[in-house]
Amino acid sequence: MDLMAVSARRPLGKTGFLASRLGIGDLADRSVPLEQCVATVRRAMEAGLNVIDTAPSYETGYSEQIVGQAVLSRREGMFVIDKIDEHDKPVGPQVQASLVRLGLKSVDCFVFHGVSTMAAWEKLAARGGGFDQLQPELGAGRARFAGLSGHHPEVVRAAVESGRCDLVMFAAGPWCDERFLEALQLARKRGVATVCFKCFGAGKLLGDTAGYGKPLQARPRGKFSSGGQAGAAPTLPHLSVRQCLHYTLSLDPDVALLGLSFANEQDEAYAAARDFSPLSPREMQDIRRQAAEAIADKGPCWWNPQ
């Protein structure tokens, strides 16, 4: 397969790093042996993907172990993003604990994870708050950049405007609050790196699932779905991988972060990236309409404000 569309590089904001358009999202699963998870990550790396994301809360550190082992032999060419999960606890010990689990001396960016309210953002940005506490870690070389992962568009916008974030992570897909797209445009103007998730709506847009491999307990009008598990043939309205990925790539984030846990998932995403060309406004509108149908009755979308 021609992987030029996957491995082509573009600036990651003002970080100076040239990133692949697709990034490797979390794929940790404790039911899968470590060696197999590492091999899955390396398969994506061999295809040219060079941005990878992890967090302490992903399978209670298992994701960090996987990422650390996967990138150890070629750390130089990878942009590693890790998270700070506990916003009310001292930052330094969290950073150092993550590096121990990773088995690395440093990552490229530490991101405050899942900041979903303005009150939480303001506390992190305040004097002596999380961002101030992160500065000594950057100064000591344990990371090069600071960022934020947000589930509220106003939080993401405030983070971009603050000048405190080198990188922001947020939803950009067929079903997300349109204010995220305004934040994306602002970040582009400010040179803040954008790594965007929820291209597939946590799987909801592709199948009969409440998200992340969870079965859909009941179909509309009380009828039970025979395709409840994620990955089973969907019986409810759904989009294709190609539609979702082409939509997100048309929005033009620096990196579209995807969960690529299996070889067939990787290959389908690569095939969609290979034949990508930007969608027209009319095509984008049609996909949004289909997404509204596909997301219905599949549970709350936690990446959008309530």
C-alpha atoms as a PDB file:
ATOM      1  CA  MET A   1       0.000   0.000   0.000  1.00  0.00           C
ATOM      2  CA  ASP A   2       1.183   3.522  -0.823  1.00  0.00           C
ATOM      3  CA  LEU A   3       1.481   5.196   2.586  1.00  0.00           C
ATOM      4  CA  MET A   4       2.543   8.657   1.420  1.00  0.00           C
ATOM      5  CA  ALA A   5      -0.778  10.106   2.622  1.00  0.00           C
ATOM      6  CA  VAL A   6      -0.115   8.629   6.066  1.00  0.00           C
ATOM      7  CA  SER A   7       3.580   9.424   6.399  1.00  0.00           C
ATOM      8  CA  ALA A   8       3.580  12.916   4.836  1.00  0.00           C
ATOM      9  CA  ARG A   9       4.835  15.467   7.374  1.00  0.00           C
ATOM     10  CA  ARG A  10       3.460  18.848   8.437  1.00  0.00           C
ATOM     11  CA  PRO A  11       4.446  21.358  11.154  1.00  0.00           C
ATOM     12  CA  LEU A  12       3.011  20.597  14.586  1.00  0.00           C
ATOM     13  CA  GLY A  13       2.179  24.173  15.553  1.00  0.00           C
ATOM     14  CA  LYS A  14       5.325  26.030  16.559  1.00  0.00           C
ATOM     15  CA  THR A  15       6.987  23.042  18.201  1.00  0.00           C
ATOM     16  CA  GLY A  16       9.415  22.576  15.312  1.00  0.00           C
ATOM     17  CA  PHE A  17       8.334  18.948  14.953  1.00  0.00           C
ATOM     18  CA  LEU A  18       7.108  17.627  11.610  1.00  0.00           C
ATOM     19  CA  ALA A  19       4.131  15.394  12.368  1.00  0.00           C
ATOM     20  CA  SER A  20       2.217  12.756  10.464  1.00  0.00           C
ATOM     21  CA  ARG A  21      -1.404  13.704   9.768  1.00  0.00           C
ATOM     22  CA  LEU A  22      -2.586  10.604  11.645  1.00  0.00           C
ATOM     23  CA  GLY A  23      -1.562   9.978  15.234  1.00  0.00           C
ATOM     24  CA  ILE A  24      -1.586   6.866  17.408  1.00  0.00           C
ATOM     25  CA  GLY A  25      -4.238   7.093  20.113  1.00  0.00           C
ATOM     26  CA  ASP A  26      -4.557   4.937  23.202  1.00  0.00           C
ATOM     27  CA  LEU A  27      -4.796   1.205  22.464  1.00  0.00           C
ATOM     28  CA  ALA A  28      -4.144  -0.300  25.892  1.00  0.00           C
ATOM     29  CA  ASP A  29      -6.143  -3.379  26.850  1.00  0.00           C
ATOM     30  CA  ARG A  30      -4.975  -5.462  29.814  1.00  0.00           C
ATOM     31  CA  SER A  31      -6.582  -8.532  28.279  1.00  0.00           C
ATOM     32  CA  VAL A  32      -4.019  -8.282  25.459  1.00  0.00           C
ATOM     33  CA  PRO A  33      -0.378  -9.224  26.222  1.00  0.00           C
ATOM     34  CA  LEU A  34       2.108  -6.394  26.438  1.00  0.00           C
ATOM     35  CA  GLU A  35       4.219  -7.729  23.562  1.00  0.00           C
ATOM     36  CA  GLN A  36       1.195  -7.795  21.273  1.00  0.00           C
ATOM     37  CA  CYS A  37       0.195  -4.221  22.164  1.00  0.00           C
ATOM     38  CA  VAL A  38       3.767  -3.031  21.583  1.00  0.00           C
ATOM     39  CA  ALA A  39       3.829  -4.778  18.204  1.00  0.00           C
ATOM     40  CA  THR A  40       0.577  -3.051  17.235  1.00  0.00           C
ATOM     41  CA  VAL A  41       2.052   0.355  18.067  1.00  0.00           C
ATOM     42  CA  ARG A  42       5.230  -0.409  16.150  1.00  0.00           C
ATOM     43  CA  ARG A  43       3.180  -1.463  13.122  1.00  0.00           C
ATOM     44  CA  ALA A  44       1.647   2.024  13.083  1.00  0.00           C
ATOM     45  CA  MET A  45       5.092   3.558  13.531  1.00  0.00           C
ATOM     46  CA  GLU A  46       6.409   1.549  10.590  1.00  0.00           C
ATOM     47  CA  ALA A  47       3.571   2.958   8.492  1.00  0.00           C
ATOM     48  CA  GLY A  48       4.934   6.436   9.218  1.00  0.00           C
ATOM     49  CA  LEU A  49       2.844   7.656  12.176  1.00  0.00           C
ATOM     50  CA  ASN A  50       5.076   9.613  14.543  1.00  0.00           C
ATOM     51  CA  VAL A  51       2.760  11.217  17.139  1.00  0.00           C
ATOM     52  CA  ILE A  52       1.581   9.036  20.021  1.00  0.00           C
ATOM     53  CA  ASP A  53      -0.633   9.736  23.011  1.00  0.00           C
ATOM     54  CA  THR A  54      -0.936   8.102  26.435  1.00  0.00           C
ATOM     55  CA  ALA A  55      -2.067   8.833  29.998  1.00  0.00           C
ATOM     56  CA  PRO A  56      -1.726   7.316  33.488  1.00  0.00           C
ATOM     57  CA  SER A  57      -5.474   6.630  33.608  1.00  0.00           C
ATOM     58  CA  TYR A  58      -5.487   4.560  30.425  1.00  0.00           C
ATOM     59  CA  GLU A  59      -5.695   1.048  31.874  1.00  0.00           C
ATOM     60  CA  THR A  60      -4.007   2.306  35.069  1.00  0.00           C
ATOM     61  CA  GLY A  61      -0.586   2.845  33.570  1.00  0.00           C
ATOM     62  CA  TYR A  62      -0.601  -0.043  31.100  1.00  0.00           C
ATOM     63  CA  SER A  63      -0.801   2.381  28.170  1.00  0.00           C
ATOM     64  CA  GLU A  64       2.319   4.185  29.386  1.00  0.00           C
ATOM     65  CA  GLN A  65       4.187   0.876  29.615  1.00  0.00           C
ATOM     66  CA  ILE A  66       3.176   0.024  26.042  1.00  0.00           C
ATOM     67  CA  VAL A  67       4.157   3.410  24.650  1.00  0.00           C
ATOM     68  CA  GLY A  68       7.468   3.455  26.493  1.00  0.00           C
ATOM     69  CA  GLN A  69       8.514   0.061  25.158  1.00  0.00           C
ATOM     70  CA  ALA A  70       7.271   0.820  21.656  1.00  0.00           C
ATOM     71  CA  VAL A  71       9.203   4.064  21.216  1.00  0.00           C
ATOM     72  CA  LEU A  72      12.326   3.179  23.176  1.00  0.00           C
ATOM     73  CA  SER A  73      14.300   2.040  20.133  1.00  0.00           C
ATOM     74  CA  ARG A  74      13.403   5.108  18.048  1.00  0.00           C
ATOM     75  CA  ARG A  75      12.655   7.835  20.578  1.00  0.00           C
ATOM     76  CA  GLU A  76      14.277  10.518  18.415  1.00  0.00           C
ATOM     77  CA  GLY A  77      11.669  10.407  15.662  1.00  0.00           C
ATOM     78  CA  MET A  78       8.536  10.248  17.821  1.00  0.00           C
ATOM     79  CA  PHE A  79       6.483  12.988  19.470  1.00  0.00           C
ATOM     80  CA  VAL A  80       5.229  11.526  22.750  1.00  0.00           C
ATOM     81  CA  ILE A  81       2.297  13.144  24.574  1.00  0.00           C
ATOM     82  CA  ASP A  82       1.522  12.149  28.156  1.00  0.00           C
ATOM     83  CA  LYS A  83      -1.092  13.469  30.550  1.00  0.00           C
ATOM     84  CA  ILE A  84      -1.424  14.913  34.028  1.00  0.00           C
ATOM     85  CA  ASP A  85      -4.641  13.394  35.350  1.00  0.00           C
ATOM     86  CA  GLU A  86      -4.893  14.688  38.908  1.00  0.00           C
ATOM     87  CA  HIS A  87      -5.409  18.439  38.645  1.00  0.00           C
ATOM     88  CA  ASP A  88      -5.602  18.998  42.412  1.00  0.00           C
ATOM     89  CA  LYS A  89      -2.374  17.175  43.237  1.00  0.00           C
ATOM     90  CA  PRO A  90       1.247  18.374  42.866  1.00  0.00           C
ATOM     91  CA  VAL A  91       2.427  18.118  39.277  1.00  0.00           C
ATOM     92  CA  GLY A  92       6.070  17.127  39.800  1.00  0.00           C
ATOM     93  CA  PRO A  93       5.454  13.714  41.381  1.00  0.00           C
ATOM     94  CA  GLN A  94       2.893  12.867  38.679  1.00  0.00           C
ATOM     95  CA  VAL A  95       5.363  13.712  35.922  1.00  0.00           C
ATOM     96  CA  GLN A  96       8.104  11.644  37.479  1.00  0.00           C
ATOM     97  CA  ALA A  97       5.791   8.659  38.114  1.00  0.00           C
ATOM     98  CA  SER A  98       4.726   8.705  34.460  1.00  0.00           C
ATOM     99  CA  LEU A  99       8.332   8.722  33.283  1.00  0.00           C
ATOM    100  CA  VAL A 100       9.060   5.699  35.477  1.00  0.00           C
ATOM    101  CA  ARG A 101       6.151   3.782  33.952  1.00  0.00           C
ATOM    102  CA  LEU A 102       7.232   4.825  30.470  1.00  0.00           C
ATOM    103  CA  GLY A 103      10.838   3.925  31.126  1.00  0.00           C
ATOM    104  CA  LEU A 104      11.852   7.199  29.434  1.00  0.00           C
ATOM    105  CA  LYS A 105      13.846  10.198  30.599  1.00  0.00           C
ATOM    106  CA  SER A 106      11.452  12.660  28.983  1.00  0.00           C
ATOM    107  CA  VAL A 107       8.402  13.124  26.803  1.00  0.00           C
ATOM    108  CA  ASP A 108       7.718  15.862  24.303  1.00  0.00           C
ATOM    109  CA  CYS A 109       4.576  17.303  25.885  1.00  0.00           C
ATOM    110  CA  PHE A 110       2.733  16.946  29.166  1.00  0.00           C
ATOM    111  CA  VAL A 111      -0.943  17.795  28.839  1.00  0.00           C
ATOM    112  CA  PHE A 112      -3.467  18.499  31.589  1.00  0.00           C
ATOM    113  CA  HIS A 113      -6.062  15.818  30.924  1.00  0.00           C
ATOM    114  CA  GLY A 114      -9.804  16.243  30.428  1.00  0.00           C
ATOM    115  CA  VAL A 115     -10.213  19.852  31.538  1.00  0.00           C
ATOM    116  CA  SER A 116     -13.962  20.275  31.119  1.00  0.00           C
ATOM    117  CA  THR A 117     -14.983  23.379  33.071  1.00  0.00           C
ATOM    118  CA  MET A 118     -13.840  26.980  33.114  1.00  0.00           C
ATOM    119  CA  ALA A 119     -13.366  26.744  36.881  1.00  0.00           C
ATOM    120  CA  ALA A 120     -10.913  23.858  36.412  1.00  0.00           C
ATOM    121  CA  TRP A 121      -9.051  25.769  33.698  1.00  0.00           C
ATOM    122  CA  GLU A 122      -8.821  28.929  35.794  1.00  0.00           C
ATOM    123  CA  LYS A 123      -7.400  26.974  38.717  1.00  0.00           C
ATOM    124  CA  LEU A 124      -4.737  25.395  36.519  1.00  0.00           C
ATOM    125  CA  ALA A 125      -3.841  28.727  34.926  1.00  0.00           C
ATOM    126  CA  ALA A 126      -3.754  30.668  38.218  1.00  0.00           C
ATOM    127  CA  ARG A 127      -0.537  31.701  39.919  1.00  0.00           C
ATOM    128  CA  GLY A 128       0.956  28.626  41.576  1.00  0.00           C
ATOM    129  CA  GLY A 129      -1.441  26.377  39.697  1.00  0.00           C
ATOM    130  CA  GLY A 130      -0.726  23.409  37.491  1.00  0.00           C
ATOM    131  CA  PHE A 131       0.909  25.293  34.636  1.00  0.00           C
ATOM    132  CA  ASP A 132       3.263  27.097  37.007  1.00  0.00           C
ATOM    133  CA  GLN A 133       4.121  23.763  38.658  1.00  0.00           C
ATOM    134  CA  LEU A 134       4.848  22.226  35.271  1.00  0.00           C
ATOM    135  CA  GLN A 135       7.480  24.824  34.391  1.00  0.00           C
ATOM    136  CA  PRO A 136      10.272  23.338  36.562  1.00  0.00           C
ATOM    137  CA  GLU A 137       9.678  19.965  34.890  1.00  0.00           C
ATOM    138  CA  LEU A 138      10.155  21.588  31.502  1.00  0.00           C
ATOM    139  CA  GLY A 139      13.220  23.401  32.771  1.00  0.00           C
ATOM    140  CA  ALA A 140      14.681  20.109  33.988  1.00  0.00           C
ATOM    141  CA  GLY A 141      14.213  18.566  30.544  1.00  0.00           C
ATOM    142  CA  ARG A 142      11.509  16.086  31.534  1.00  0.00           C
ATOM    143  CA  ALA A 143       9.311  17.588  28.796  1.00  0.00           C
ATOM    144  CA  ARG A 144       9.659  20.284  26.152  1.00  0.00           C
ATOM    145  CA  PHE A 145       6.094  21.557  25.872  1.00  0.00           C
ATOM    146  CA  ALA A 146       2.926  22.097  27.912  1.00  0.00           C
ATOM    147  CA  GLY A 147      -0.636  21.600  26.816  1.00  0.00           C
ATOM    148  CA  LEU A 148      -4.246  20.873  27.608  1.00  0.00           C
ATOM    149  CA  SER A 149      -6.835  18.287  26.622  1.00  0.00           C
ATOM    150  CA  GLY A 150     -10.329  19.759  26.852  1.00  0.00           C
ATOM    151  CA  HIS A 151     -13.916  18.561  26.590  1.00  0.00           C
ATOM    152  CA  HIS A 152     -15.402  22.054  26.510  1.00  0.00           C
ATOM    153  CA  PRO A 153     -14.829  24.448  23.597  1.00  0.00           C
ATOM    154  CA  GLU A 154     -14.675  27.527  25.798  1.00  0.00           C
ATOM    155  CA  VAL A 155     -11.930  25.904  27.874  1.00  0.00           C
ATOM    156  CA  VAL A 156      -9.964  25.075  24.730  1.00  0.00           C
ATOM    157  CA  ARG A 157     -10.395  28.603  23.422  1.00  0.00           C
ATOM    158  CA  ALA A 158      -9.223  30.101  26.747  1.00  0.00           C
ATOM    159  CA  ALA A 159      -6.198  27.799  26.711  1.00  0.00           C
ATOM    160  CA  VAL A 160      -5.257  28.914  23.199  1.00  0.00           C
ATOM    161  CA  GLU A 161      -5.715  32.591  24.051  1.00  0.00           C
ATOM    162  CA  SER A 162      -3.713  32.316  27.281  1.00  0.00           C
ATOM    163  CA  GLY A 163      -0.387  31.691  25.570  1.00  0.00           C
ATOM    164  CA  ARG A 164       0.362  28.997  28.148  1.00  0.00           C
ATOM    165  CA  CYS A 165      -0.282  26.043  25.858  1.00  0.00           C
ATOM    166  CA  ASP A 166       2.006  24.861  23.085  1.00  0.00           C
ATOM    167  CA  LEU A 167      -0.487  22.137  22.176  1.00  0.00           C
ATOM    168  CA  VAL A 168      -4.210  21.586  22.653  1.00  0.00           C
ATOM    169  CA  MET A 169      -6.234  18.406  22.259  1.00  0.00           C
ATOM    170  CA  PHE A 170      -9.984  18.416  21.607  1.00  0.00           C
ATOM    171  CA  ALA A 171     -12.785  16.882  19.563  1.00  0.00           C
ATOM    172  CA  ALA A 172     -12.959  17.469  15.813  1.00  0.00           C
ATOM    173  CA  GLY A 173     -15.245  15.093  13.980  1.00  0.00           C
ATOM    174  CA  PRO A 174     -18.666  14.794  12.379  1.00  0.00           C
ATOM    175  CA  TRP A 175     -20.349  14.986  15.790  1.00  0.00           C
ATOM    176  CA  CYS A 176     -18.812  17.640  17.991  1.00  0.00           C
ATOM    177  CA  ASP A 177     -19.707  21.095  19.247  1.00  0.00           C
ATOM    178  CA  GLU A 178     -19.039  23.513  16.384  1.00  0.00           C
ATOM    179  CA  ARG A 179     -17.295  25.898  18.771  1.00  0.00           C
ATOM    180  CA  PHE A 180     -14.403  23.415  18.790  1.00  0.00           C
ATOM    181  CA  LEU A 181     -13.932  24.289  15.135  1.00  0.00           C
ATOM    182  CA  GLU A 182     -13.685  27.976  16.033  1.00  0.00           C
ATOM    183  CA  ALA A 183     -11.010  27.052  18.578  1.00  0.00           C
ATOM    184  CA  LEU A 184      -9.218  25.102  15.841  1.00  0.00           C
ATOM    185  CA  GLN A 185      -9.119  28.156  13.592  1.00  0.00           C
ATOM    186  CA  LEU A 186      -7.862  30.335  16.445  1.00  0.00           C
ATOM    187  CA  ALA A 187      -5.145  27.830  17.345  1.00  0.00           C
ATOM    188  CA  ARG A 188      -4.006  27.780  13.731  1.00  0.00           C
ATOM    189  CA  LYS A 189      -3.663  31.585  13.756  1.00  0.00           C
ATOM    190  CA  ARG A 190      -1.740  31.521  17.037  1.00  0.00           C
ATOM    191  CA  GLY A 191       0.572  28.681  16.039  1.00  0.00           C
ATOM    192  CA  VAL A 192      -0.703  26.395  18.798  1.00  0.00           C
ATOM    193  CA  ALA A 193      -0.425  22.720  17.848  1.00  0.00           C
ATOM    194  CA  THR A 194      -3.740  20.893  17.426  1.00  0.00           C
ATOM    195  CA  VAL A 195      -4.132  17.165  18.051  1.00  0.00           C
ATOM    196  CA  CYS A 196      -7.775  16.231  17.601  1.00  0.00           C
ATOM    197  CA  PHE A 197      -9.766  13.208  18.704  1.00  0.00           C
ATOM    198  CA  LYS A 198     -13.287  11.743  18.471  1.00  0.00           C
ATOM    199  CA  CYS A 199     -13.084  11.380  14.698  1.00  0.00           C
ATOM    200  CA  PHE A 200     -15.292   8.274  15.059  1.00  0.00           C
ATOM    201  CA  GLY A 201     -17.300   9.564  18.009  1.00  0.00           C
ATOM    202  CA  ALA A 202     -15.828   6.941  20.371  1.00  0.00           C
ATOM    203  CA  GLY A 203     -17.058   4.308  17.924  1.00  0.00           C
ATOM    204  CA  LYS A 204     -20.653   5.510  18.104  1.00  0.00           C
ATOM    205  CA  LEU A 205     -20.580   6.783  14.530  1.00  0.00           C
ATOM    206  CA  LEU A 206     -19.357   3.438  13.178  1.00  0.00           C
ATOM    207  CA  GLY A 207     -21.457   0.878  15.024  1.00  0.00           C
ATOM    208  CA  ASP A 208     -24.108  -0.065  17.560  1.00  0.00           C
ATOM    209  CA  THR A 209     -22.113   0.896  20.634  1.00  0.00           C
ATOM    210  CA  ALA A 210     -22.317   3.225  23.597  1.00  0.00           C
ATOM    211  CA  GLY A 211     -18.614   3.924  23.067  1.00  0.00           C
ATOM    212  CA  TYR A 212     -15.147   2.388  23.436  1.00  0.00           C
ATOM    213  CA  GLY A 213     -16.182  -1.212  22.935  1.00  0.00           C
ATOM    214  CA  LYS A 214     -19.266  -1.066  25.157  1.00  0.00           C
ATOM    215  CA  PRO A 215     -22.395  -2.841  23.905  1.00  0.00           C
ATOM    216  CA  LEU A 216     -25.488  -0.849  23.098  1.00  0.00           C
ATOM    217  CA  GLN A 217     -27.938  -2.248  25.598  1.00  0.00           C
ATOM    218  CA  ALA A 218     -31.146  -1.506  23.707  1.00  0.00           C
ATOM    219  CA  ARG A 219     -32.170  -0.235  20.334  1.00  0.00           C
ATOM    220  CA  PRO A 220     -34.716   2.576  19.923  1.00  0.00           C
ATOM    221  CA  ARG A 221     -38.279   1.606  20.827  1.00  0.00           C
ATOM    222  CA  GLY A 222     -36.965  -1.113  23.135  1.00  0.00           C
ATOM    223  CA  LYS A 223     -35.692  -3.517  20.466  1.00  0.00           C
ATOM    224  CA  PHE A 224     -32.450  -5.236  21.377  1.00  0.00           C
ATOM    225  CA  SER A 225     -29.561  -4.995  18.960  1.00  0.00           C
ATOM    226  CA  SER A 226     -27.953  -8.164  17.650  1.00  0.00           C
ATOM    227  CA  GLY A 227     -24.819  -6.143  16.867  1.00  0.00           C
ATOM    228  CA  GLY A 228     -24.217  -4.777  20.338  1.00  0.00           C
ATOM    229  CA  GLN A 229     -20.461  -5.215  20.544  1.00  0.00           C
ATOM    230  CA  ALA A 230     -18.251  -2.632  18.885  1.00  0.00           C
ATOM    231  CA  GLY A 231     -16.873  -4.119  15.704  1.00  0.00           C
ATOM    232  CA  ALA A 232     -19.976  -6.198  14.957  1.00  0.00           C
ATOM    233  CA  ALA A 233     -21.957  -5.422  11.813  1.00  0.00           C
ATOM    234  CA  PRO A 234     -24.038  -2.359  12.695  1.00  0.00           C
ATOM    235  CA  THR A 235     -27.798  -2.529  12.455  1.00  0.00           C
ATOM    236  CA  LEU A 236     -28.422   1.128  13.312  1.00  0.00           C
ATOM    237  CA  PRO A 237     -27.554   4.151  11.145  1.00  0.00           C
ATOM    238  CA  HIS A 238     -23.790   4.593  10.895  1.00  0.00           C
ATOM    239  CA  LEU A 239     -21.002   6.296   8.974  1.00  0.00           C
ATOM    240  CA  SER A 240     -17.980   4.704   7.348  1.00  0.00           C
ATOM    241  CA  VAL A 241     -14.370   5.095   8.458  1.00  0.00           C
ATOM    242  CA  ARG A 242     -13.754   6.934   5.205  1.00  0.00           C
ATOM    243  CA  GLN A 243     -16.552   9.461   5.816  1.00  0.00           C
ATOM    244  CA  CYS A 244     -15.425  10.180   9.373  1.00  0.00           C
ATOM    245  CA  LEU A 245     -11.742  10.478   8.572  1.00  0.00           C
ATOM    246  CA  HIS A 246     -12.270  12.584   5.457  1.00  0.00           C
ATOM    247  CA  TYR A 247     -14.464  14.920   7.501  1.00  0.00           C
ATOM    248  CA  THR A 248     -11.850  15.370  10.214  1.00  0.00           C
ATOM    249  CA  LEU A 249      -8.975  15.759   7.755  1.00  0.00           C
ATOM    250  CA  SER A 250     -11.025  18.379   5.870  1.00  0.00           C
ATOM    251  CA  LEU A 251     -11.126  20.406   9.103  1.00  0.00           C
ATOM    252  CA  ASP A 252      -7.300  20.360   8.880  1.00  0.00           C
ATOM    253  CA  PRO A 253      -6.028  19.793  12.430  1.00  0.00           C
ATOM    254  CA  ASP A 254      -2.294  19.238  12.668  1.00  0.00           C
ATOM    255  CA  VAL A 255      -2.918  15.624  13.737  1.00  0.00           C
ATOM    256  CA  ALA A 256      -6.023  13.428  13.726  1.00  0.00           C
ATOM    257  CA  LEU A 257      -5.529  11.080  16.680  1.00  0.00           C
ATOM    258  CA  LEU A 258      -7.046   7.642  16.069  1.00  0.00           C
ATOM    259  CA  GLY A 259      -7.405   4.490  18.131  1.00  0.00           C
ATOM    260  CA  LEU A 260      -5.691   1.894  15.925  1.00  0.00           C
ATOM    261  CA  SER A 261      -5.831  -1.219  18.063  1.00  0.00           C
ATOM    262  CA  PHE A 262      -5.893  -3.868  15.348  1.00  0.00           C
ATOM    263  CA  ALA A 263      -4.231  -4.361  11.977  1.00  0.00           C
ATOM    264  CA  ASN A 264      -7.522  -4.196  10.064  1.00  0.00           C
ATOM    265  CA  GLU A 265      -8.406  -0.897  11.781  1.00  0.00           C
ATOM    266  CA  GLN A 266      -5.019   0.507  10.841  1.00  0.00           C
ATOM    267  CA  ASP A 267      -5.295  -0.608   7.225  1.00  0.00           C
ATOM    268  CA  GLU A 268      -8.795   0.813   6.812  1.00  0.00           C
ATOM    269  CA  ALA A 269      -7.672   4.177   8.197  1.00  0.00           C
ATOM    270  CA  TYR A 270      -4.599   4.206   5.949  1.00  0.00           C
ATOM    271  CA  ALA A 271      -6.717   3.414   2.897  1.00  0.00           C
ATOM    272  CA  ALA A 272      -9.063   6.297   3.751  1.00  0.00           C
ATOM    273  CA  ALA A 273      -6.114   8.659   4.225  1.00  0.00           C
ATOM    274  CA  ARG A 274      -4.604   7.530   0.936  1.00  0.00           C
ATOM    275  CA  ASP A 275      -7.599   8.625  -1.165  1.00  0.00           C
ATOM    276  CA  PHE A 276      -8.379  11.779   0.844  1.00  0.00           C
ATOM    277  CA  SER A 277      -9.191  15.055  -0.825  1.00  0.00           C
ATOM    278  CA  PRO A 278     -10.874  17.921   1.058  1.00  0.00           C
ATOM    279  CA  LEU A 279     -14.637  17.705   1.180  1.00  0.00           C
ATOM    280  CA  SER A 280     -16.866  20.465  -0.152  1.00  0.00           C
ATOM    281  CA  PRO A 281     -19.093  22.429   2.274  1.00  0.00           C
ATOM    282  CA  ARG A 282     -22.077  20.521   0.933  1.00  0.00           C
ATOM    283  CA  GLU A 283     -20.392  17.158   1.522  1.00  0.00           C
ATOM    284  CA  MET A 284     -19.444  18.247   5.056  1.00  0.00           C
ATOM    285  CA  GLN A 285     -23.034  19.251   5.772  1.00  0.00           C
ATOM    286  CA  ASP A 286     -24.330  15.911   4.512  1.00  0.00           C
ATOM    287  CA  ILE A 287     -21.933  13.973   6.754  1.00  0.00           C
ATOM    288  CA  ARG A 288     -22.985  16.065   9.770  1.00  0.00           C
ATOM    289  CA  ARG A 289     -26.620  15.206   8.974  1.00  0.00           C
ATOM    290  CA  GLN A 290     -25.811  11.492   8.799  1.00  0.00           C
ATOM    291  CA  ALA A 291     -23.793  11.749  12.013  1.00  0.00           C
ATOM    292  CA  ALA A 292     -26.805  13.178  13.849  1.00  0.00           C
ATOM    293  CA  GLU A 293     -28.768  10.088  12.816  1.00  0.00           C
ATOM    294  CA  ALA A 294     -25.913   7.712  13.662  1.00  0.00           C
ATOM    295  CA  ILE A 295     -25.310   9.108  17.145  1.00  0.00           C
ATOM    296  CA  ALA A 296     -28.937   9.041  18.256  1.00  0.00           C
ATOM    297  CA  ASP A 297     -29.879   6.639  21.083  1.00  0.00           C
ATOM    298  CA  LYS A 298     -26.251   5.677  21.728  1.00  0.00           C
ATOM    299  CA  GLY A 299     -25.748   7.437  25.017  1.00  0.00           C
ATOM    300  CA  PRO A 300     -24.206  10.756  26.057  1.00  0.00           C
ATOM    301  CA  CYS A 301     -21.278  12.273  24.153  1.00  0.00           C
ATOM    302  CA  TRP A 302     -18.971  13.240  27.001  1.00  0.00           C
ATOM    303  CA  TRP A 303     -16.642  15.201  24.720  1.00  0.00           C
ATOM    304  CA  ASN A 304     -19.359  17.829  24.147  1.00  0.00           C
ATOM    305  CA  PRO A 305     -20.688  20.224  26.823  1.00  0.00           C
ATOM    306  CA  GLN A 306     -23.934  19.038  28.388  1.00  0.00           C
END
